[in-house]
Amino acid sequence: MSNAILEAMAHSLPVIASRVGGCSELLDEGRAGVLFEARDAKALAREMSSLAESPSLRVRLGAAAADRARSRFSLERMVEETLRGYAAACSNDAPAAEYFSSRANALAQRSGSFALEAR
């Protein structure tokens, strides 16, 4: 997962990225940014031209990217999901699972996110 992409998203910047690694996940398969096939310089040039020529597209993609960064990749959300992962990993130890689950629920309530069920 690219920290540079996450930082750009958090600042409402439109992102163009090649379809490698976690870029597709970060950009929600192109809904929060533009994806092109790796090593396709012509596709990259087309996407850059498209963004350069369309202020409304830049604004729309930047807003979608910022929303996605806040909702899916905030520090609070990542900690919450990590705690839920610990709860699931401790499924054979009820007190430990309850401890991690309760911490995740408390964080979800404080941060205003929705509580996800432990997987």
PDB file of N, CA and C in Angstrom:
ATOM      1  N   MET A   1       0.853  -1.167   0.000  1.00  0.00           N
ATOM      2  CA  MET A   1       0.000   0.000   0.000  1.00  0.00           C
ATOM      3  C   MET A   1       0.899   1.230   0.000  1.00  0.00           C
ATOM      4  N   SER A   2       0.624   2.119  -0.877  1.00  0.00           N
ATOM      5  CA  SER A   2       1.451   3.310  -1.053  1.00  0.00           C
ATOM      6  C   SER A   2       1.050   4.427  -0.100  1.00  0.00           C
ATOM      7  N   ASN A   3       1.978   4.827   0.764  1.00  0.00           N
ATOM      8  CA  ASN A   3       1.719   5.960   1.647  1.00  0.00           C
ATOM      9  C   ASN A   3       1.587   7.254   0.851  1.00  0.00           C
ATOM     10  N   ALA A   4       2.331   7.374  -0.241  1.00  0.00           N
ATOM     11  CA  ALA A   4       2.245   8.585  -1.060  1.00  0.00           C
ATOM     12  C   ALA A   4       0.841   8.745  -1.635  1.00  0.00           C
ATOM     13  N   ILE A   5       0.244   7.632  -2.080  1.00  0.00           N
ATOM     14  CA  ILE A   5      -1.124   7.696  -2.609  1.00  0.00           C
ATOM     15  C   ILE A   5      -2.095   8.056  -1.491  1.00  0.00           C
ATOM     16  N   LEU A   6      -1.944   7.427  -0.335  1.00  0.00           N
ATOM     17  CA  LEU A   6      -2.834   7.749   0.796  1.00  0.00           C
ATOM     18  C   LEU A   6      -2.731   9.221   1.186  1.00  0.00           C
ATOM     19  N   GLU A   7      -1.532   9.758   1.205  1.00  0.00           N
ATOM     20  CA  GLU A   7      -1.345  11.158   1.557  1.00  0.00           C
ATOM     21  C   GLU A   7      -1.985  12.073   0.519  1.00  0.00           C
ATOM     22  N   ALA A   8      -1.831  11.740  -0.752  1.00  0.00           N
ATOM     23  CA  ALA A   8      -2.464  12.546  -1.806  1.00  0.00           C
ATOM     24  C   ALA A   8      -3.979  12.488  -1.667  1.00  0.00           C
ATOM     25  N   MET A   9      -4.507  11.298  -1.413  1.00  0.00           N
ATOM     26  CA  MET A   9      -5.952  11.135  -1.235  1.00  0.00           C
ATOM     27  C   MET A   9      -6.444  11.977  -0.062  1.00  0.00           C
ATOM     28  N   ALA A  10      -5.723  11.934   1.043  1.00  0.00           N
ATOM     29  CA  ALA A  10      -6.122  12.679   2.241  1.00  0.00           C
ATOM     30  C   ALA A  10      -6.141  14.187   1.991  1.00  0.00           C
ATOM     31  N   HIS A  11      -5.373  14.653   1.010  1.00  0.00           N
ATOM     32  CA  HIS A  11      -5.334  16.080   0.673  1.00  0.00           C
ATOM     33  C   HIS A  11      -6.241  16.420  -0.511  1.00  0.00           C
ATOM     34  N   SER A  12      -7.159  15.509  -0.834  1.00  0.00           N
ATOM     35  CA  SER A  12      -8.147  15.731  -1.906  1.00  0.00           C
ATOM     36  C   SER A  12      -7.519  15.915  -3.278  1.00  0.00           C
ATOM     37  N   LEU A  13      -6.388  15.270  -3.495  1.00  0.00           N
ATOM     38  CA  LEU A  13      -5.738  15.367  -4.798  1.00  0.00           C
ATOM     39  C   LEU A  13      -6.152  14.191  -5.676  1.00  0.00           C
ATOM     40  N   PRO A  14      -6.393  14.435  -6.959  1.00  0.00           N
ATOM     41  CA  PRO A  14      -6.692  13.319  -7.853  1.00  0.00           C
ATOM     42  C   PRO A  14      -5.430  12.490  -8.051  1.00  0.00           C
ATOM     43  N   VAL A  15      -5.584  11.191  -8.094  1.00  0.00           N
ATOM     44  CA  VAL A  15      -4.437  10.286  -8.186  1.00  0.00           C
ATOM     45  C   VAL A  15      -4.537   9.469  -9.464  1.00  0.00           C
ATOM     46  N   ILE A  16      -3.414   9.343 -10.150  1.00  0.00           N
ATOM     47  CA  ILE A  16      -3.280   8.435 -11.281  1.00  0.00           C
ATOM     48  C   ILE A  16      -2.253   7.400 -10.854  1.00  0.00           C
ATOM     49  N   ALA A  17      -2.604   6.132 -10.928  1.00  0.00           N
ATOM     50  CA  ALA A  17      -1.689   5.078 -10.490  1.00  0.00           C
ATOM     51  C   ALA A  17      -1.798   3.871 -11.405  1.00  0.00           C
ATOM     52  N   SER A  18      -0.698   3.151 -11.504  1.00  0.00           N
ATOM     53  CA  SER A  18      -0.742   1.914 -12.283  1.00  0.00           C
ATOM     54  C   SER A  18      -1.439   0.834 -11.467  1.00  0.00           C
ATOM     55  N   ARG A  19      -2.018  -0.093 -12.162  1.00  0.00           N
ATOM     56  CA  ARG A  19      -2.786  -1.164 -11.538  1.00  0.00           C
ATOM     57  C   ARG A  19      -1.819  -2.246 -11.034  1.00  0.00           C
ATOM     58  N   VAL A  20      -1.088  -1.912  -9.964  1.00  0.00           N
ATOM     59  CA  VAL A  20      -0.144  -2.855  -9.348  1.00  0.00           C
ATOM     60  C   VAL A  20      -0.321  -2.796  -7.837  1.00  0.00           C
ATOM     61  N   GLY A  21       0.131  -3.838  -7.168  1.00  0.00           N
ATOM     62  CA  GLY A  21       0.082  -3.861  -5.712  1.00  0.00           C
ATOM     63  C   GLY A  21      -1.292  -3.514  -5.188  1.00  0.00           C
ATOM     64  N   GLY A  22      -1.335  -2.634  -4.204  1.00  0.00           N
ATOM     65  CA  GLY A  22      -2.591  -2.263  -3.572  1.00  0.00           C
ATOM     66  C   GLY A  22      -3.255  -1.036  -4.163  1.00  0.00           C
ATOM     67  N   CYS A  23      -2.763  -0.543  -5.292  1.00  0.00           N
ATOM     68  CA  CYS A  23      -3.334   0.685  -5.871  1.00  0.00           C
ATOM     69  C   CYS A  23      -4.808   0.534  -6.215  1.00  0.00           C
ATOM     70  N   SER A  24      -5.196  -0.610  -6.755  1.00  0.00           N
ATOM     71  CA  SER A  24      -6.606  -0.817  -7.107  1.00  0.00           C
ATOM     72  C   SER A  24      -7.490  -0.759  -5.870  1.00  0.00           C
ATOM     73  N   GLU A  25      -6.999  -1.345  -4.778  1.00  0.00           N
ATOM     74  CA  GLU A  25      -7.768  -1.320  -3.528  1.00  0.00           C
ATOM     75  C   GLU A  25      -7.857   0.101  -2.979  1.00  0.00           C
ATOM     76  N   LEU A  26      -6.732   0.793  -2.971  1.00  0.00           N
ATOM     77  CA  LEU A  26      -6.732   2.167  -2.454  1.00  0.00           C
ATOM     78  C   LEU A  26      -7.697   3.054  -3.224  1.00  0.00           C
ATOM     79  N   LEU A  27      -7.672   2.936  -4.533  1.00  0.00           N
ATOM     80  CA  LEU A  27      -8.468   3.820  -5.380  1.00  0.00           C
ATOM     81  C   LEU A  27      -9.828   3.225  -5.737  1.00  0.00           C
ATOM     82  N   ASP A  28     -10.198   2.155  -5.072  1.00  0.00           N
ATOM     83  CA  ASP A  28     -11.517   1.534  -5.260  1.00  0.00           C
ATOM     84  C   ASP A  28     -11.769   1.246  -6.737  1.00  0.00           C
ATOM     85  N   GLU A  29     -10.817   0.562  -7.352  1.00  0.00           N
ATOM     86  CA  GLU A  29     -10.899   0.179  -8.771  1.00  0.00           C
ATOM     87  C   GLU A  29     -11.252   1.356  -9.682  1.00  0.00           C
ATOM     88  N   GLY A  30     -10.676   2.512  -9.386  1.00  0.00           N
ATOM     89  CA  GLY A  30     -10.850   3.658 -10.258  1.00  0.00           C
ATOM     90  C   GLY A  30     -11.959   4.626  -9.873  1.00  0.00           C
ATOM     91  N   ARG A  31     -12.698   4.339  -8.812  1.00  0.00           N
ATOM     92  CA  ARG A  31     -13.768   5.257  -8.410  1.00  0.00           C
ATOM     93  C   ARG A  31     -13.227   6.443  -7.603  1.00  0.00           C
ATOM     94  N   ALA A  32     -12.055   6.292  -6.991  1.00  0.00           N
ATOM     95  CA  ALA A  32     -11.475   7.383  -6.198  1.00  0.00           C
ATOM     96  C   ALA A  32     -10.131   7.817  -6.782  1.00  0.00           C
ATOM     97  N   GLY A  33      -9.911   7.521  -8.030  1.00  0.00           N
ATOM     98  CA  GLY A  33      -8.678   7.861  -8.715  1.00  0.00           C
ATOM     99  C   GLY A  33      -8.650   7.149 -10.055  1.00  0.00           C
ATOM    100  N   VAL A  34      -7.616   7.381 -10.821  1.00  0.00           N
ATOM    101  CA  VAL A  34      -7.507   6.807 -12.158  1.00  0.00           C
ATOM    102  C   VAL A  34      -6.456   5.706 -12.141  1.00  0.00           C
ATOM    103  N   LEU A  35      -6.808   4.581 -12.732  1.00  0.00           N
ATOM    104  CA  LEU A  35      -5.879   3.451 -12.833  1.00  0.00           C
ATOM    105  C   LEU A  35      -5.553   3.178 -14.297  1.00  0.00           C
ATOM    106  N   PHE A  36      -4.320   2.795 -14.540  1.00  0.00           N
ATOM    107  CA  PHE A  36      -3.922   2.383 -15.885  1.00  0.00           C
ATOM    108  C   PHE A  36      -3.049   1.144 -15.754  1.00  0.00           C
ATOM    109  N   GLU A  37      -2.925   0.406 -16.834  1.00  0.00           N
ATOM    110  CA  GLU A  37      -2.116  -0.813 -16.804  1.00  0.00           C
ATOM    111  C   GLU A  37      -0.632  -0.463 -16.687  1.00  0.00           C
ATOM    112  N   ALA A  38       0.061  -1.190 -15.867  1.00  0.00           N
ATOM    113  CA  ALA A  38       1.494  -0.960 -15.660  1.00  0.00           C
ATOM    114  C   ALA A  38       2.244  -1.038 -16.990  1.00  0.00           C
ATOM    115  N   ARG A  39       3.215  -0.198 -17.125  1.00  0.00           N
ATOM    116  CA  ARG A  39       4.099  -0.129 -18.289  1.00  0.00           C
ATOM    117  C   ARG A  39       3.410   0.354 -19.565  1.00  0.00           C
ATOM    118  N   ASP A  40       2.226   0.930 -19.433  1.00  0.00           N
ATOM    119  CA  ASP A  40       1.510   1.460 -20.594  1.00  0.00           C
ATOM    120  C   ASP A  40       1.631   2.981 -20.572  1.00  0.00           C
ATOM    121  N   ALA A  41       2.730   3.474 -21.115  1.00  0.00           N
ATOM    122  CA  ALA A  41       3.018   4.907 -21.080  1.00  0.00           C
ATOM    123  C   ALA A  41       1.958   5.717 -21.818  1.00  0.00           C
ATOM    124  N   LYS A  42       1.404   5.158 -22.894  1.00  0.00           N
ATOM    125  CA  LYS A  42       0.370   5.878 -23.644  1.00  0.00           C
ATOM    126  C   LYS A  42      -0.893   6.037 -22.795  1.00  0.00           C
ATOM    127  N   ALA A  43      -1.243   5.011 -22.058  1.00  0.00           N
ATOM    128  CA  ALA A  43      -2.415   5.111 -21.180  1.00  0.00           C
ATOM    129  C   ALA A  43      -2.174   6.154 -20.090  1.00  0.00           C
ATOM    130  N   LEU A  44      -0.981   6.179 -19.521  1.00  0.00           N
ATOM    131  CA  LEU A  44      -0.656   7.185 -18.515  1.00  0.00           C
ATOM    132  C   LEU A  44      -0.775   8.586 -19.110  1.00  0.00           C
ATOM    133  N   ALA A  45      -0.231   8.775 -20.308  1.00  0.00           N
ATOM    134  CA  ALA A  45      -0.313  10.087 -20.964  1.00  0.00           C
ATOM    135  C   ALA A  45      -1.763  10.488 -21.222  1.00  0.00           C
ATOM    136  N   ARG A  46      -2.602   9.536 -21.652  1.00  0.00           N
ATOM    137  CA  ARG A  46      -4.028   9.834 -21.877  1.00  0.00           C
ATOM    138  C   ARG A  46      -4.707  10.272 -20.581  1.00  0.00           C
ATOM    139  N   GLU A  47      -4.422   9.540 -19.501  1.00  0.00           N
ATOM    140  CA  GLU A  47      -5.062   9.873 -18.218  1.00  0.00           C
ATOM    141  C   GLU A  47      -4.585  11.226 -17.696  1.00  0.00           C
ATOM    142  N   MET A  48      -3.307  11.510 -17.861  1.00  0.00           N
ATOM    143  CA  MET A  48      -2.781  12.812 -17.436  1.00  0.00           C
ATOM    144  C   MET A  48      -3.432  13.939 -18.238  1.00  0.00           C
ATOM    145  N   SER A  49      -3.571  13.753 -19.532  1.00  0.00           N
ATOM    146  CA  SER A  49      -4.210  14.759 -20.387  1.00  0.00           C
ATOM    147  C   SER A  49      -5.665  14.955 -19.991  1.00  0.00           C
ATOM    148  N   SER A  50      -6.333  13.848 -19.723  1.00  0.00           N
ATOM    149  CA  SER A  50      -7.740  13.909 -19.330  1.00  0.00           C
ATOM    150  C   SER A  50      -7.909  14.735 -18.060  1.00  0.00           C
ATOM    151  N   LEU A  51      -7.066  14.486 -17.061  1.00  0.00           N
ATOM    152  CA  LEU A  51      -7.151  15.259 -15.819  1.00  0.00           C
ATOM    153  C   LEU A  51      -6.761  16.720 -16.033  1.00  0.00           C
ATOM    154  N   ALA A  52      -5.751  16.946 -16.863  1.00  0.00           N
ATOM    155  CA  ALA A  52      -5.309  18.320 -17.116  1.00  0.00           C
ATOM    156  C   ALA A  52      -6.401  19.138 -17.790  1.00  0.00           C
ATOM    157  N   GLU A  53      -7.212  18.495 -18.620  1.00  0.00           N
ATOM    158  CA  GLU A  53      -8.233  19.195 -19.387  1.00  0.00           C
ATOM    159  C   GLU A  53      -9.580  19.294 -18.669  1.00  0.00           C
ATOM    160  N   SER A  54      -9.735  18.638 -17.541  1.00  0.00           N
ATOM    161  CA  SER A  54     -11.044  18.600 -16.892  1.00  0.00           C
ATOM    162  C   SER A  54     -10.962  18.952 -15.405  1.00  0.00           C
ATOM    163  N   PRO A  55     -11.137  20.234 -15.076  1.00  0.00           N
ATOM    164  CA  PRO A  55     -11.130  20.622 -13.663  1.00  0.00           C
ATOM    165  C   PRO A  55     -12.214  19.905 -12.862  1.00  0.00           C
ATOM    166  N   SER A  56     -13.377  19.693 -13.465  1.00  0.00           N
ATOM    167  CA  SER A  56     -14.459  19.030 -12.728  1.00  0.00           C
ATOM    168  C   SER A  56     -14.101  17.577 -12.405  1.00  0.00           C
ATOM    169  N   LEU A  57     -13.406  16.899 -13.296  1.00  0.00           N
ATOM    170  CA  LEU A  57     -12.962  15.530 -13.031  1.00  0.00           C
ATOM    171  C   LEU A  57     -11.938  15.521 -11.900  1.00  0.00           C
ATOM    172  N   ARG A  58     -11.019  16.481 -11.907  1.00  0.00           N
ATOM    173  CA  ARG A  58     -10.028  16.569 -10.832  1.00  0.00           C
ATOM    174  C   ARG A  58     -10.698  16.771  -9.483  1.00  0.00           C
ATOM    175  N   VAL A  59     -11.677  17.660  -9.440  1.00  0.00           N
ATOM    176  CA  VAL A  59     -12.383  17.941  -8.184  1.00  0.00           C
ATOM    177  C   VAL A  59     -13.163  16.709  -7.735  1.00  0.00           C
ATOM    178  N   ARG A  60     -13.877  16.070  -8.668  1.00  0.00           N
ATOM    179  CA  ARG A  60     -14.678  14.895  -8.318  1.00  0.00           C
ATOM    180  C   ARG A  60     -13.802  13.759  -7.798  1.00  0.00           C
ATOM    181  N   LEU A  61     -12.709  13.471  -8.501  1.00  0.00           N
ATOM    182  CA  LEU A  61     -11.813  12.392  -8.059  1.00  0.00           C
ATOM    183  C   LEU A  61     -11.127  12.750  -6.740  1.00  0.00           C
ATOM    184  N   GLY A  62     -10.728  14.009  -6.584  1.00  0.00           N
ATOM    185  CA  GLY A  62     -10.097  14.432  -5.337  1.00  0.00           C
ATOM    186  C   GLY A  62     -11.041  14.302  -4.151  1.00  0.00           C
ATOM    187  N   ALA A  63     -12.294  14.676  -4.338  1.00  0.00           N
ATOM    188  CA  ALA A  63     -13.287  14.556  -3.255  1.00  0.00           C
ATOM    189  C   ALA A  63     -13.548  13.088  -2.925  1.00  0.00           C
ATOM    190  N   ALA A  64     -13.680  12.255  -3.949  1.00  0.00           N
ATOM    191  CA  ALA A  64     -13.900  10.817  -3.713  1.00  0.00           C
ATOM    192  C   ALA A  64     -12.696  10.201  -3.012  1.00  0.00           C
ATOM    193  N   ALA A  65     -11.502  10.631  -3.392  1.00  0.00           N
ATOM    194  CA  ALA A  65     -10.288  10.111  -2.766  1.00  0.00           C
ATOM    195  C   ALA A  65     -10.231  10.505  -1.291  1.00  0.00           C
ATOM    196  N   ALA A  66     -10.555  11.758  -0.993  1.00  0.00           N
ATOM    197  CA  ALA A  66     -10.527  12.218   0.405  1.00  0.00           C
ATOM    198  C   ALA A  66     -11.554  11.470   1.238  1.00  0.00           C
ATOM    199  N   ASP A  67     -12.749  11.290   0.701  1.00  0.00           N
ATOM    200  CA  ASP A  67     -13.786  10.535   1.418  1.00  0.00           C
ATOM    201  C   ASP A  67     -13.321   9.110   1.688  1.00  0.00           C
ATOM    202  N   ARG A  68     -12.730   8.484   0.688  1.00  0.00           N
ATOM    203  CA  ARG A  68     -12.258   7.100   0.849  1.00  0.00           C
ATOM    204  C   ARG A  68     -11.120   7.024   1.863  1.00  0.00           C
ATOM    205  N   ALA A  69     -10.201   7.971   1.811  1.00  0.00           N
ATOM    206  CA  ALA A  69      -9.086   7.969   2.761  1.00  0.00           C
ATOM    207  C   ALA A  69      -9.594   8.096   4.193  1.00  0.00           C
ATOM    208  N   ARG A  70     -10.566   8.983   4.404  1.00  0.00           N
ATOM    209  CA  ARG A  70     -11.116   9.165   5.750  1.00  0.00           C
ATOM    210  C   ARG A  70     -11.913   7.944   6.214  1.00  0.00           C
ATOM    211  N   SER A  71     -12.723   7.393   5.335  1.00  0.00           N
ATOM    212  CA  SER A  71     -13.623   6.313   5.762  1.00  0.00           C
ATOM    213  C   SER A  71     -12.946   4.957   5.843  1.00  0.00           C
ATOM    214  N   ARG A  72     -11.975   4.695   4.979  1.00  0.00           N
ATOM    215  CA  ARG A  72     -11.379   3.359   4.935  1.00  0.00           C
ATOM    216  C   ARG A  72      -9.964   3.268   5.505  1.00  0.00           C
ATOM    217  N   PHE A  73      -9.233   4.356   5.514  1.00  0.00           N
ATOM    218  CA  PHE A  73      -7.817   4.264   5.849  1.00  0.00           C
ATOM    219  C   PHE A  73      -7.373   5.225   6.942  1.00  0.00           C
ATOM    220  N   SER A  74      -8.318   5.694   7.751  1.00  0.00           N
ATOM    221  CA  SER A  74      -7.937   6.566   8.862  1.00  0.00           C
ATOM    222  C   SER A  74      -7.200   5.734   9.914  1.00  0.00           C
ATOM    223  N   LEU A  75      -6.444   6.401  10.748  1.00  0.00           N
ATOM    224  CA  LEU A  75      -5.733   5.717  11.829  1.00  0.00           C
ATOM    225  C   LEU A  75      -6.722   5.003  12.743  1.00  0.00           C
ATOM    226  N   GLU A  76      -7.815   5.674  13.079  1.00  0.00           N
ATOM    227  CA  GLU A  76      -8.811   5.069  13.965  1.00  0.00           C
ATOM    228  C   GLU A  76      -9.390   3.797  13.358  1.00  0.00           C
ATOM    229  N   ARG A  77      -9.713   3.853  12.073  1.00  0.00           N
ATOM    230  CA  ARG A  77     -10.291   2.684  11.399  1.00  0.00           C
ATOM    231  C   ARG A  77      -9.288   1.530  11.363  1.00  0.00           C
ATOM    232  N   MET A  78      -8.042   1.822  11.079  1.00  0.00           N
ATOM    233  CA  MET A  78      -7.041   0.755  11.008  1.00  0.00           C
ATOM    234  C   MET A  78      -6.810   0.131  12.385  1.00  0.00           C
ATOM    235  N   VAL A  79      -6.773   0.949  13.436  1.00  0.00           N
ATOM    236  CA  VAL A  79      -6.616   0.406  14.788  1.00  0.00           C
ATOM    237  C   VAL A  79      -7.837  -0.440  15.145  1.00  0.00           C
ATOM    238  N   GLU A  80      -9.020   0.073  14.833  1.00  0.00           N
ATOM    239  CA  GLU A  80     -10.252  -0.674  15.111  1.00  0.00           C
ATOM    240  C   GLU A  80     -10.232  -2.043  14.418  1.00  0.00           C
ATOM    241  N   GLU A  81      -9.875  -2.055  13.157  1.00  0.00           N
ATOM    242  CA  GLU A  81      -9.862  -3.321  12.416  1.00  0.00           C
ATOM    243  C   GLU A  81      -8.760  -4.257  12.928  1.00  0.00           C
ATOM    244  N   THR A  82      -7.640  -3.686  13.358  1.00  0.00           N
ATOM    245  CA  THR A  82      -6.583  -4.518  13.948  1.00  0.00           C
ATOM    246  C   THR A  82      -7.077  -5.171  15.230  1.00  0.00           C
ATOM    247  N   LEU A  83      -7.757  -4.395  16.067  1.00  0.00           N
ATOM    248  CA  LEU A  83      -8.316  -4.952  17.302  1.00  0.00           C
ATOM    249  C   LEU A  83      -9.330  -6.049  16.997  1.00  0.00           C
ATOM    250  N   ARG A  84     -10.132  -5.853  15.956  1.00  0.00           N
ATOM    251  CA  ARG A  84     -11.094  -6.889  15.577  1.00  0.00           C
ATOM    252  C   ARG A  84     -10.380  -8.139  15.069  1.00  0.00           C
ATOM    253  N   GLY A  85      -9.275  -7.950  14.388  1.00  0.00           N
ATOM    254  CA  GLY A  85      -8.479  -9.094  13.952  1.00  0.00           C
ATOM    255  C   GLY A  85      -7.911  -9.863  15.135  1.00  0.00           C
ATOM    256  N   TYR A  86      -7.445  -9.131  16.143  1.00  0.00           N
ATOM    257  CA  TYR A  86      -6.957  -9.784  17.362  1.00  0.00           C
ATOM    258  C   TYR A  86      -8.080 -10.555  18.050  1.00  0.00           C
ATOM    259  N   ALA A  87      -9.278  -9.949  18.096  1.00  0.00           N
ATOM    260  CA  ALA A  87     -10.421 -10.631  18.716  1.00  0.00           C
ATOM    261  C   ALA A  87     -10.726 -11.927  17.979  1.00  0.00           C
ATOM    262  N   ALA A  88     -10.697 -11.893  16.665  1.00  0.00           N
ATOM    263  CA  ALA A  88     -10.957 -13.102  15.881  1.00  0.00           C
ATOM    264  C   ALA A  88      -9.866 -14.143  16.102  1.00  0.00           C
ATOM    265  N   ALA A  89      -8.622 -13.684  16.199  1.00  0.00           N
ATOM    266  CA  ALA A  89      -7.504 -14.614  16.412  1.00  0.00           C
ATOM    267  C   ALA A  89      -7.582 -15.261  17.790  1.00  0.00           C
ATOM    268  N   CYS A  90      -8.234 -14.599  18.716  1.00  0.00           N
ATOM    269  CA  CYS A  90      -8.372 -15.112  20.083  1.00  0.00           C
ATOM    270  C   CYS A  90      -9.710 -15.819  20.293  1.00  0.00           C
ATOM    271  N   SER A  91     -10.314 -16.301  19.246  1.00  0.00           N
ATOM    272  CA  SER A  91     -11.661 -16.872  19.361  1.00  0.00           C
ATOM    273  C   SER A  91     -11.729 -18.053  20.328  1.00  0.00           C
ATOM    274  N   ASN A  92     -10.620 -18.718  20.564  1.00  0.00           N
ATOM    275  CA  ASN A  92     -10.600 -19.830  21.522  1.00  0.00           C
ATOM    276  C   ASN A  92     -10.370 -19.365  22.955  1.00  0.00           C
ATOM    277  N   ASP A  93     -10.142 -18.096  23.139  1.00  0.00           N
ATOM    278  CA  ASP A  93      -9.908 -17.515  24.465  1.00  0.00           C
ATOM    279  C   ASP A  93     -10.935 -16.403  24.661  1.00  0.00           C
ATOM    280  N   ALA A  94     -12.100 -16.769  25.188  1.00  0.00           N
ATOM    281  CA  ALA A  94     -13.220 -15.829  25.288  1.00  0.00           C
ATOM    282  C   ALA A  94     -12.868 -14.523  26.001  1.00  0.00           C
ATOM    283  N   PRO A  95     -12.159 -14.548  27.132  1.00  0.00           N
ATOM    284  CA  PRO A  95     -11.837 -13.268  27.786  1.00  0.00           C
ATOM    285  C   PRO A  95     -10.963 -12.360  26.905  1.00  0.00           C
ATOM    286  N   ALA A  96      -9.987 -12.938  26.231  1.00  0.00           N
ATOM    287  CA  ALA A  96      -9.123 -12.128  25.369  1.00  0.00           C
ATOM    288  C   ALA A  96      -9.913 -11.592  24.177  1.00  0.00           C
ATOM    289  N   ALA A  97     -10.744 -12.434  23.589  1.00  0.00           N
ATOM    290  CA  ALA A  97     -11.558 -12.004  22.444  1.00  0.00           C
ATOM    291  C   ALA A  97     -12.491 -10.871  22.863  1.00  0.00           C
ATOM    292  N   GLU A  98     -13.094 -10.987  24.024  1.00  0.00           N
ATOM    293  CA  GLU A  98     -13.999  -9.952  24.520  1.00  0.00           C
ATOM    294  C   GLU A  98     -13.240  -8.653  24.794  1.00  0.00           C
ATOM    295  N   TYR A  99     -12.039  -8.767  25.336  1.00  0.00           N
ATOM    296  CA  TYR A  99     -11.216  -7.592  25.613  1.00  0.00           C
ATOM    297  C   TYR A  99     -10.963  -6.804  24.324  1.00  0.00           C
ATOM    298  N   PHE A 100     -10.459  -7.490  23.291  1.00  0.00           N
ATOM    299  CA  PHE A 100     -10.142  -6.803  22.039  1.00  0.00           C
ATOM    300  C   PHE A 100     -11.407  -6.293  21.347  1.00  0.00           C
ATOM    301  N   SER A 101     -12.465  -7.078  21.395  1.00  0.00           N
ATOM    302  CA  SER A 101     -13.717  -6.671  20.774  1.00  0.00           C
ATOM    303  C   SER A 101     -14.294  -5.431  21.458  1.00  0.00           C
ATOM    304  N   SER A 102     -14.247  -5.401  22.779  1.00  0.00           N
ATOM    305  CA  SER A 102     -14.778  -4.234  23.503  1.00  0.00           C
ATOM    306  C   SER A 102     -13.950  -2.983  23.225  1.00  0.00           C
ATOM    307  N   ARG A 103     -12.634  -3.144  23.087  1.00  0.00           N
ATOM    308  CA  ARG A 103     -11.785  -1.986  22.757  1.00  0.00           C
ATOM    309  C   ARG A 103     -12.104  -1.471  21.355  1.00  0.00           C
ATOM    310  N   ALA A 104     -12.332  -2.396  20.424  1.00  0.00           N
ATOM    311  CA  ALA A 104     -12.678  -1.994  19.056  1.00  0.00           C
ATOM    312  C   ALA A 104     -14.025  -1.275  19.037  1.00  0.00           C
ATOM    313  N   ASN A 105     -14.996  -1.794  19.780  1.00  0.00           N
ATOM    314  CA  ASN A 105     -16.317  -1.159  19.833  1.00  0.00           C
ATOM    315  C   ASN A 105     -16.234   0.230  20.452  1.00  0.00           C
ATOM    316  N   ALA A 106     -15.437   0.378  21.506  1.00  0.00           N
ATOM    317  CA  ALA A 106     -15.277   1.685  22.146  1.00  0.00           C
ATOM    318  C   ALA A 106     -14.639   2.679  21.173  1.00  0.00           C
ATOM    319  N   LEU A 107     -13.647   2.235  20.437  1.00  0.00           N
ATOM    320  CA  LEU A 107     -13.002   3.102  19.456  1.00  0.00           C
ATOM    321  C   LEU A 107     -13.989   3.488  18.358  1.00  0.00           C
ATOM    322  N   ALA A 108     -14.784   2.539  17.914  1.00  0.00           N
ATOM    323  CA  ALA A 108     -15.777   2.812  16.864  1.00  0.00           C
ATOM    324  C   ALA A 108     -16.777   3.857  17.339  1.00  0.00           C
ATOM    325  N   GLN A 109     -17.213   3.756  18.572  1.00  0.00           N
ATOM    326  CA  GLN A 109     -18.171   4.732  19.105  1.00  0.00           C
ATOM    327  C   GLN A 109     -17.551   6.113  19.229  1.00  0.00           C
ATOM    328  N   ARG A 110     -16.297   6.178  19.692  1.00  0.00           N
ATOM    329  CA  ARG A 110     -15.617   7.472  19.843  1.00  0.00           C
ATOM    330  C   ARG A 110     -15.353   8.127  18.498  1.00  0.00           C
ATOM    331  N   SER A 111     -14.964   7.324  17.516  1.00  0.00           N
ATOM    332  CA  SER A 111     -14.592   7.903  16.222  1.00  0.00           C
ATOM    333  C   SER A 111     -15.785   8.092  15.305  1.00  0.00           C
ATOM    334  N   GLY A 112     -16.956   7.600  15.725  1.00  0.00           N
ATOM    335  CA  GLY A 112     -18.148   7.785  14.916  1.00  0.00           C
ATOM    336  C   GLY A 112     -18.266   6.797  13.776  1.00  0.00           C
ATOM    337  N   SER A 113     -17.379   5.827  13.707  1.00  0.00           N
ATOM    338  CA  SER A 113     -17.497   4.825  12.649  1.00  0.00           C
ATOM    339  C   SER A 113     -18.495   3.762  13.073  1.00  0.00           C
ATOM    340  N   PHE A 114     -18.865   2.961  12.138  1.00  0.00           N
ATOM    341  CA  PHE A 114     -19.808   1.897  12.458  1.00  0.00           C
ATOM    342  C   PHE A 114     -19.042   0.716  13.031  1.00  0.00           C
ATOM    343  N   ALA A 115     -19.665  -0.006  13.926  1.00  0.00           N
ATOM    344  CA  ALA A 115     -19.017  -1.175  14.527  1.00  0.00           C
ATOM    345  C   ALA A 115     -19.145  -2.357  13.588  1.00  0.00           C
ATOM    346  N   LEU A 116     -18.017  -2.897  13.198  1.00  0.00           N
ATOM    347  CA  LEU A 116     -18.017  -4.085  12.353  1.00  0.00           C
ATOM    348  C   LEU A 116     -18.033  -5.319  13.214  1.00  0.00           C
ATOM    349  N   GLU A 117     -18.696  -6.331  12.751  1.00  0.00           N
ATOM    350  CA  GLU A 117     -18.670  -7.586  13.494  1.00  0.00           C
ATOM    351  C   GLU A 117     -17.304  -8.217  13.333  1.00  0.00           C
ATOM    352  N   ALA A 118     -16.829  -8.883  14.381  1.00  0.00           N
ATOM    353  CA  ALA A 118     -15.560  -9.593  14.293  1.00  0.00           C
ATOM    354  C   ALA A 118     -15.690 -10.661  13.229  1.00  0.00           C
ATOM    355  N   ARG A 119     -14.658 -10.767  12.422  1.00  0.00           N
ATOM    356  CA  ARG A 119     -14.704 -11.731  11.311  1.00  0.00           C
ATOM    357  C   ARG A 119     -14.329 -13.105  11.780  1.00  0.00           C
TER     358      ARG A 119
END
